[in-house]
């Protein structure tokens, strides 16, 4: 039987994985919360206790404690070195680490180091490493709400419309209209009135 601590640890790890999948910017500090849970405190505790097994599980999910250092340039060099010497690099793993820990510190990095990573990335994966911040779930929700309340492009005030009116939002919203479980994961970002409207439209 799993110990109570092990069960709690697994719950935190599952919450962390969910946050990473939603492209939330992970922060290793006590102020960071996700879904009203003190996820940052869990990460700080894991780091301070130096539990090799737990740290390995966290890093396998895509969190690199070293990238939270105040010396992003130094650790980007380590990131590049690891990628360049990795014989079978897991692309999704490197993308996750890049989006979470390298991209947010772009302004602190030297152009020369950025070009160095671009070169290694191209050699390893065959495509160009983009430096634009990917759209998060929160960004999509905000864009969806903006569509709902924009009377110029959405005079009917509905949450769902034709693709020609919704643009890039259409596919993302349509998926949540079809899949109640996916919709349920984001309901906390809506008011009671908004949820009532969504339900009337079949969400």
C-alpha atoms as a PDB file:
ATOM      1  CA  UNK A   1       0.000   0.000   0.000  1.00  0.00           C
ATOM      2  CA  UNK A   2       1.331   3.419  -0.891  1.00  0.00           C
ATOM      3  CA  UNK A   3       2.261   5.662   2.001  1.00  0.00           C
ATOM      4  CA  UNK A   4       0.255   8.841   2.612  1.00  0.00           C
ATOM      5  CA  UNK A   5       3.261  10.960   1.585  1.00  0.00           C
ATOM      6  CA  UNK A   6       3.594   9.002  -1.663  1.00  0.00           C
ATOM      7  CA  UNK A   7      -0.079   9.530  -2.485  1.00  0.00           C
ATOM      8  CA  UNK A   8       0.202  13.274  -1.779  1.00  0.00           C
ATOM      9  CA  UNK A   9       3.368  13.441  -3.882  1.00  0.00           C
ATOM     10  CA  UNK A  10       1.618  11.774  -6.821  1.00  0.00           C
ATOM     11  CA  UNK A  11      -1.266  14.254  -6.587  1.00  0.00           C
ATOM     12  CA  UNK A  12       1.200  17.152  -6.799  1.00  0.00           C
ATOM     13  CA  UNK A  13       2.990  15.511  -9.725  1.00  0.00           C
ATOM     14  CA  UNK A  14      -0.315  15.043 -11.569  1.00  0.00           C
ATOM     15  CA  UNK A  15      -1.204  18.690 -10.944  1.00  0.00           C
ATOM     16  CA  UNK A  16       2.229  19.764 -12.199  1.00  0.00           C
ATOM     17  CA  UNK A  17       1.847  17.675 -15.364  1.00  0.00           C
ATOM     18  CA  UNK A  18      -1.560  19.252 -15.988  1.00  0.00           C
ATOM     19  CA  UNK A  19      -0.103  22.758 -15.604  1.00  0.00           C
ATOM     20  CA  UNK A  20       2.740  21.956 -18.006  1.00  0.00           C
ATOM     21  CA  UNK A  21       0.319  20.506 -20.567  1.00  0.00           C
ATOM     22  CA  UNK A  22      -1.683  23.736 -20.395  1.00  0.00           C
ATOM     23  CA  UNK A  23       1.566  25.646 -21.033  1.00  0.00           C
ATOM     24  CA  UNK A  24       1.370  27.496 -17.728  1.00  0.00           C
ATOM     25  CA  UNK A  25       4.617  29.293 -16.916  1.00  0.00           C
ATOM     26  CA  UNK A  26       5.981  27.240 -14.010  1.00  0.00           C
ATOM     27  CA  UNK A  27       7.643  29.193 -11.213  1.00  0.00           C
ATOM     28  CA  UNK A  28       9.692  27.725  -8.384  1.00  0.00           C
ATOM     29  CA  UNK A  29       8.646  30.084  -5.595  1.00  0.00           C
ATOM     30  CA  UNK A  30       6.070  30.206  -2.804  1.00  0.00           C
ATOM     31  CA  UNK A  31       3.913  32.740  -4.667  1.00  0.00           C
ATOM     32  CA  UNK A  32       3.180  30.449  -7.606  1.00  0.00           C
ATOM     33  CA  UNK A  33      -0.260  28.839  -7.530  1.00  0.00           C
ATOM     34  CA  UNK A  34      -2.140  26.697 -10.024  1.00  0.00           C
ATOM     35  CA  UNK A  35      -5.845  26.020  -9.633  1.00  0.00           C
ATOM     36  CA  UNK A  36      -5.620  27.679  -6.203  1.00  0.00           C
ATOM     37  CA  UNK A  37      -3.053  25.085  -5.086  1.00  0.00           C
ATOM     38  CA  UNK A  38       0.390  26.117  -3.830  1.00  0.00           C
ATOM     39  CA  UNK A  39       2.257  24.267  -6.562  1.00  0.00           C
ATOM     40  CA  UNK A  40       5.253  26.596  -6.220  1.00  0.00           C
ATOM     41  CA  UNK A  41       5.669  25.632  -2.562  1.00  0.00           C
ATOM     42  CA  UNK A  42       5.698  21.956  -3.527  1.00  0.00           C
ATOM     43  CA  UNK A  43       8.487  22.634  -6.053  1.00  0.00           C
ATOM     44  CA  UNK A  44      10.494  24.758  -3.611  1.00  0.00           C
ATOM     45  CA  UNK A  45      10.191  21.997  -1.005  1.00  0.00           C
ATOM     46  CA  UNK A  46      11.259  19.314  -3.485  1.00  0.00           C
ATOM     47  CA  UNK A  47      14.284  21.373  -4.464  1.00  0.00           C
ATOM     48  CA  UNK A  48      15.344  22.185  -0.897  1.00  0.00           C
ATOM     49  CA  UNK A  49      14.974  18.619   0.402  1.00  0.00           C
ATOM     50  CA  UNK A  50      17.267  17.337  -2.372  1.00  0.00           C
ATOM     51  CA  UNK A  51      15.164  14.200  -2.897  1.00  0.00           C
ATOM     52  CA  UNK A  52      16.836  12.685  -6.004  1.00  0.00           C
ATOM     53  CA  UNK A  53      13.896  10.402  -6.835  1.00  0.00           C
ATOM     54  CA  UNK A  54      11.298  13.200  -6.611  1.00  0.00           C
ATOM     55  CA  UNK A  55      13.502  15.705  -8.454  1.00  0.00           C
ATOM     56  CA  UNK A  56      13.994  13.190 -11.269  1.00  0.00           C
ATOM     57  CA  UNK A  57      10.206  12.705 -11.586  1.00  0.00           C
ATOM     58  CA  UNK A  58       9.681  16.474 -11.691  1.00  0.00           C
ATOM     59  CA  UNK A  59      12.408  17.010 -14.284  1.00  0.00           C
ATOM     60  CA  UNK A  60      11.031  14.185 -16.456  1.00  0.00           C
ATOM     61  CA  UNK A  61       7.795  16.157 -16.649  1.00  0.00           C
ATOM     62  CA  UNK A  62       9.783  19.064 -18.088  1.00  0.00           C
ATOM     63  CA  UNK A  63      10.785  21.203 -15.092  1.00  0.00           C
ATOM     64  CA  UNK A  64      14.444  22.128 -15.026  1.00  0.00           C
ATOM     65  CA  UNK A  65      15.333  23.623 -11.645  1.00  0.00           C
ATOM     66  CA  UNK A  66      18.587  25.008 -13.023  1.00  0.00           C
ATOM     67  CA  UNK A  67      16.734  27.184 -15.530  1.00  0.00           C
ATOM     68  CA  UNK A  68      15.210  29.054 -12.590  1.00  0.00           C
ATOM     69  CA  UNK A  69      18.616  30.359 -11.675  1.00  0.00           C
ATOM     70  CA  UNK A  70      19.360  34.072 -11.845  1.00  0.00           C
ATOM     71  CA  UNK A  71      21.934  33.235 -14.533  1.00  0.00           C
ATOM     72  CA  UNK A  72      19.777  32.200 -17.538  1.00  0.00           C
ATOM     73  CA  UNK A  73      22.663  32.685 -19.966  1.00  0.00           C
ATOM     74  CA  UNK A  74      24.793  30.156 -18.103  1.00  0.00           C
ATOM     75  CA  UNK A  75      22.046  27.544 -18.035  1.00  0.00           C
ATOM     76  CA  UNK A  76      21.023  28.097 -21.627  1.00  0.00           C
ATOM     77  CA  UNK A  77      24.584  27.098 -22.475  1.00  0.00           C
ATOM     78  CA  UNK A  78      23.997  23.893 -20.511  1.00  0.00           C
ATOM     79  CA  UNK A  79      20.698  23.374 -22.347  1.00  0.00           C
ATOM     80  CA  UNK A  80      22.502  23.727 -25.685  1.00  0.00           C
ATOM     81  CA  UNK A  81      25.274  21.374 -24.596  1.00  0.00           C
ATOM     82  CA  UNK A  82      22.785  18.747 -23.465  1.00  0.00           C
ATOM     83  CA  UNK A  83      20.846  18.968 -26.732  1.00  0.00           C
ATOM     84  CA  UNK A  84      23.964  18.884 -28.892  1.00  0.00           C
ATOM     85  CA  UNK A  85      25.308  15.761 -27.162  1.00  0.00           C
ATOM     86  CA  UNK A  86      21.965  13.958 -26.881  1.00  0.00           C
ATOM     87  CA  UNK A  87      22.105  11.096 -29.394  1.00  0.00           C
ATOM     88  CA  UNK A  88      18.335  10.488 -29.335  1.00  0.00           C
ATOM     89  CA  UNK A  89      16.739  13.754 -28.182  1.00  0.00           C
ATOM     90  CA  UNK A  90      13.054  13.667 -27.313  1.00  0.00           C
ATOM     91  CA  UNK A  91      11.781  16.684 -29.250  1.00  0.00           C
ATOM     92  CA  UNK A  92       8.637  17.223 -27.160  1.00  0.00           C
ATOM     93  CA  UNK A  93      10.699  17.124 -23.982  1.00  0.00           C
ATOM     94  CA  UNK A  94      13.043  19.819 -25.298  1.00  0.00           C
ATOM     95  CA  UNK A  95      10.131  21.914 -26.581  1.00  0.00           C
ATOM     96  CA  UNK A  96       8.505  21.832 -23.155  1.00  0.00           C
ATOM     97  CA  UNK A  97      11.704  22.879 -21.417  1.00  0.00           C
ATOM     98  CA  UNK A  98      12.321  25.608 -23.975  1.00  0.00           C
ATOM     99  CA  UNK A  99       8.823  27.076 -23.667  1.00  0.00           C
ATOM    100  CA  UNK A 100       8.808  26.947 -19.887  1.00  0.00           C
ATOM    101  CA  UNK A 101      12.324  28.054 -18.967  1.00  0.00           C
ATOM    102  CA  UNK A 102      14.221  29.517 -21.912  1.00  0.00           C
ATOM    103  CA  UNK A 103      11.666  31.547 -23.845  1.00  0.00           C
ATOM    104  CA  UNK A 104      10.434  33.601 -20.825  1.00  0.00           C
ATOM    105  CA  UNK A 105      14.034  34.815 -20.310  1.00  0.00           C
ATOM    106  CA  UNK A 106      14.697  35.690 -23.930  1.00  0.00           C
ATOM    107  CA  UNK A 107      15.352  39.369 -23.123  1.00  0.00           C
ATOM    108  CA  UNK A 108      18.173  38.366 -20.765  1.00  0.00           C
ATOM    109  CA  UNK A 109      19.963  36.229 -23.337  1.00  0.00           C
ATOM    110  CA  UNK A 110      22.725  37.232 -25.737  1.00  0.00           C
ATOM    111  CA  UNK A 111      21.984  37.188 -29.471  1.00  0.00           C
ATOM    112  CA  UNK A 112      25.044  35.020 -30.008  1.00  0.00           C
ATOM    113  CA  UNK A 113      23.719  32.331 -27.623  1.00  0.00           C
ATOM    114  CA  UNK A 114      20.264  32.452 -29.219  1.00  0.00           C
ATOM    115  CA  UNK A 115      21.824  31.910 -32.653  1.00  0.00           C
ATOM    116  CA  UNK A 116      23.873  29.042 -31.236  1.00  0.00           C
ATOM    117  CA  UNK A 117      20.735  27.299 -29.969  1.00  0.00           C
ATOM    118  CA  UNK A 118      18.955  27.902 -33.288  1.00  0.00           C
ATOM    119  CA  UNK A 119      21.818  26.231 -35.131  1.00  0.00           C
ATOM    120  CA  UNK A 120      21.876  23.184 -32.837  1.00  0.00           C
ATOM    121  CA  UNK A 121      18.071  22.928 -32.913  1.00  0.00           C
ATOM    122  CA  UNK A 122      18.063  22.948 -36.725  1.00  0.00           C
ATOM    123  CA  UNK A 123      20.727  20.264 -36.837  1.00  0.00           C
ATOM    124  CA  UNK A 124      18.975  18.010 -34.330  1.00  0.00           C
ATOM    125  CA  UNK A 125      15.332  18.402 -35.343  1.00  0.00           C
ATOM    126  CA  UNK A 126      15.465  19.768 -38.894  1.00  0.00           C
ATOM    127  CA  UNK A 127      13.210  22.762 -38.264  1.00  0.00           C
ATOM    128  CA  UNK A 128      13.567  26.387 -37.182  1.00  0.00           C
ATOM    129  CA  UNK A 129      13.350  27.182 -33.460  1.00  0.00           C
ATOM    130  CA  UNK A 130      10.698  29.881 -33.072  1.00  0.00           C
ATOM    131  CA  UNK A 131      11.051  32.423 -30.271  1.00  0.00           C
ATOM    132  CA  UNK A 132       7.459  33.656 -30.089  1.00  0.00           C
ATOM    133  CA  UNK A 133       5.553  32.767 -26.936  1.00  0.00           C
ATOM    134  CA  UNK A 134       3.004  30.013 -27.683  1.00  0.00           C
ATOM    135  CA  UNK A 135      -0.630  30.802 -26.960  1.00  0.00           C
ATOM    136  CA  UNK A 136      -1.743  29.412 -23.592  1.00  0.00           C
ATOM    137  CA  UNK A 137      -5.124  28.038 -22.542  1.00  0.00           C
ATOM    138  CA  UNK A 138      -5.733  31.284 -20.645  1.00  0.00           C
ATOM    139  CA  UNK A 139      -4.949  33.292 -23.800  1.00  0.00           C
ATOM    140  CA  UNK A 140      -7.491  31.238 -25.744  1.00  0.00           C
ATOM    141  CA  UNK A 141     -10.164  31.697 -23.076  1.00  0.00           C
ATOM    142  CA  UNK A 142      -9.563  35.452 -23.028  1.00  0.00           C
ATOM    143  CA  UNK A 143      -9.792  35.571 -26.843  1.00  0.00           C
ATOM    144  CA  UNK A 144     -12.999  33.547 -26.699  1.00  0.00           C
ATOM    145  CA  UNK A 145     -14.521  35.948 -24.185  1.00  0.00           C
ATOM    146  CA  UNK A 146     -13.406  38.878 -26.297  1.00  0.00           C
ATOM    147  CA  UNK A 147     -15.267  37.333 -29.236  1.00  0.00           C
ATOM    148  CA  UNK A 148     -18.391  36.765 -27.111  1.00  0.00           C
ATOM    149  CA  UNK A 149     -18.575  40.401 -25.970  1.00  0.00           C
ATOM    150  CA  UNK A 150     -17.474  42.077 -29.216  1.00  0.00           C
ATOM    151  CA  UNK A 151     -20.785  43.307 -30.681  1.00  0.00           C
ATOM    152  CA  UNK A 152     -19.130  44.377 -33.946  1.00  0.00           C
ATOM    153  CA  UNK A 153     -18.001  40.914 -35.038  1.00  0.00           C
ATOM    154  CA  UNK A 154     -20.516  38.998 -32.899  1.00  0.00           C
ATOM    155  CA  UNK A 155     -23.781  41.000 -32.813  1.00  0.00           C
ATOM    156  CA  UNK A 156     -25.799  37.993 -31.572  1.00  0.00           C
ATOM    157  CA  UNK A 157     -23.616  37.667 -28.461  1.00  0.00           C
ATOM    158  CA  UNK A 158     -23.259  33.903 -28.851  1.00  0.00           C
ATOM    159  CA  UNK A 159     -20.319  31.808 -27.697  1.00  0.00           C
ATOM    160  CA  UNK A 160     -20.214  29.765 -30.901  1.00  0.00           C
ATOM    161  CA  UNK A 161     -20.564  30.882 -34.514  1.00  0.00           C
ATOM    162  CA  UNK A 162     -19.428  30.053 -38.038  1.00  0.00           C
ATOM    163  CA  UNK A 163     -15.726  29.627 -38.737  1.00  0.00           C
ATOM    164  CA  UNK A 164     -15.707  32.761 -40.917  1.00  0.00           C
ATOM    165  CA  UNK A 165     -16.646  34.838 -37.853  1.00  0.00           C
ATOM    166  CA  UNK A 166     -14.611  33.012 -35.204  1.00  0.00           C
ATOM    167  CA  UNK A 167     -11.423  32.588 -37.214  1.00  0.00           C
ATOM    168  CA  UNK A 168      -8.687  30.542 -35.530  1.00  0.00           C
ATOM    169  CA  UNK A 169     -10.814  30.150 -32.387  1.00  0.00           C
ATOM    170  CA  UNK A 170     -13.357  27.984 -34.194  1.00  0.00           C
ATOM    171  CA  UNK A 171     -11.531  24.637 -34.028  1.00  0.00           C
ATOM    172  CA  UNK A 172     -10.519  25.049 -30.376  1.00  0.00           C
ATOM    173  CA  UNK A 173     -14.042  26.051 -29.298  1.00  0.00           C
ATOM    174  CA  UNK A 174     -15.712  23.367 -31.449  1.00  0.00           C
ATOM    175  CA  UNK A 175     -13.629  20.680 -29.744  1.00  0.00           C
ATOM    176  CA  UNK A 176     -14.865  21.850 -26.332  1.00  0.00           C
ATOM    177  CA  UNK A 177     -18.444  21.930 -27.567  1.00  0.00           C
ATOM    178  CA  UNK A 178     -18.143  18.274 -28.563  1.00  0.00           C
ATOM    179  CA  UNK A 179     -16.096  17.135 -25.555  1.00  0.00           C
ATOM    180  CA  UNK A 180     -17.772  17.889 -22.200  1.00  0.00           C
ATOM    181  CA  UNK A 181     -14.700  16.706 -20.299  1.00  0.00           C
ATOM    182  CA  UNK A 182     -12.399  19.215 -21.996  1.00  0.00           C
ATOM    183  CA  UNK A 183     -14.947  21.959 -21.398  1.00  0.00           C
ATOM    184  CA  UNK A 184     -15.180  20.974 -17.757  1.00  0.00           C
ATOM    185  CA  UNK A 185     -11.459  21.577 -17.300  1.00  0.00           C
ATOM    186  CA  UNK A 186     -11.824  25.304 -18.052  1.00  0.00           C
ATOM    187  CA  UNK A 187     -15.197  26.126 -16.451  1.00  0.00           C
ATOM    188  CA  UNK A 188     -13.503  27.683 -13.426  1.00  0.00           C
ATOM    189  CA  UNK A 189     -12.568  30.639 -15.645  1.00  0.00           C
ATOM    190  CA  UNK A 190     -16.207  31.544 -16.321  1.00  0.00           C
ATOM    191  CA  UNK A 191     -18.878  33.229 -14.200  1.00  0.00           C
ATOM    192  CA  UNK A 192     -22.161  31.524 -13.296  1.00  0.00           C
ATOM    193  CA  UNK A 193     -23.960  33.667 -15.870  1.00  0.00           C
ATOM    194  CA  UNK A 194     -21.451  32.736 -18.576  1.00  0.00           C
ATOM    195  CA  UNK A 195     -21.720  29.031 -17.717  1.00  0.00           C
ATOM    196  CA  UNK A 196     -25.511  29.254 -17.973  1.00  0.00           C
ATOM    197  CA  UNK A 197     -25.175  30.832 -21.429  1.00  0.00           C
ATOM    198  CA  UNK A 198     -22.706  28.154 -22.529  1.00  0.00           C
ATOM    199  CA  UNK A 199     -25.000  25.369 -21.351  1.00  0.00           C
ATOM    200  CA  UNK A 200     -27.891  26.831 -23.359  1.00  0.00           C
ATOM    201  CA  UNK A 201     -25.661  26.646 -26.453  1.00  0.00           C
ATOM    202  CA  UNK A 202     -24.877  23.000 -25.812  1.00  0.00           C
ATOM    203  CA  UNK A 203     -21.463  23.248 -24.131  1.00  0.00           C
END
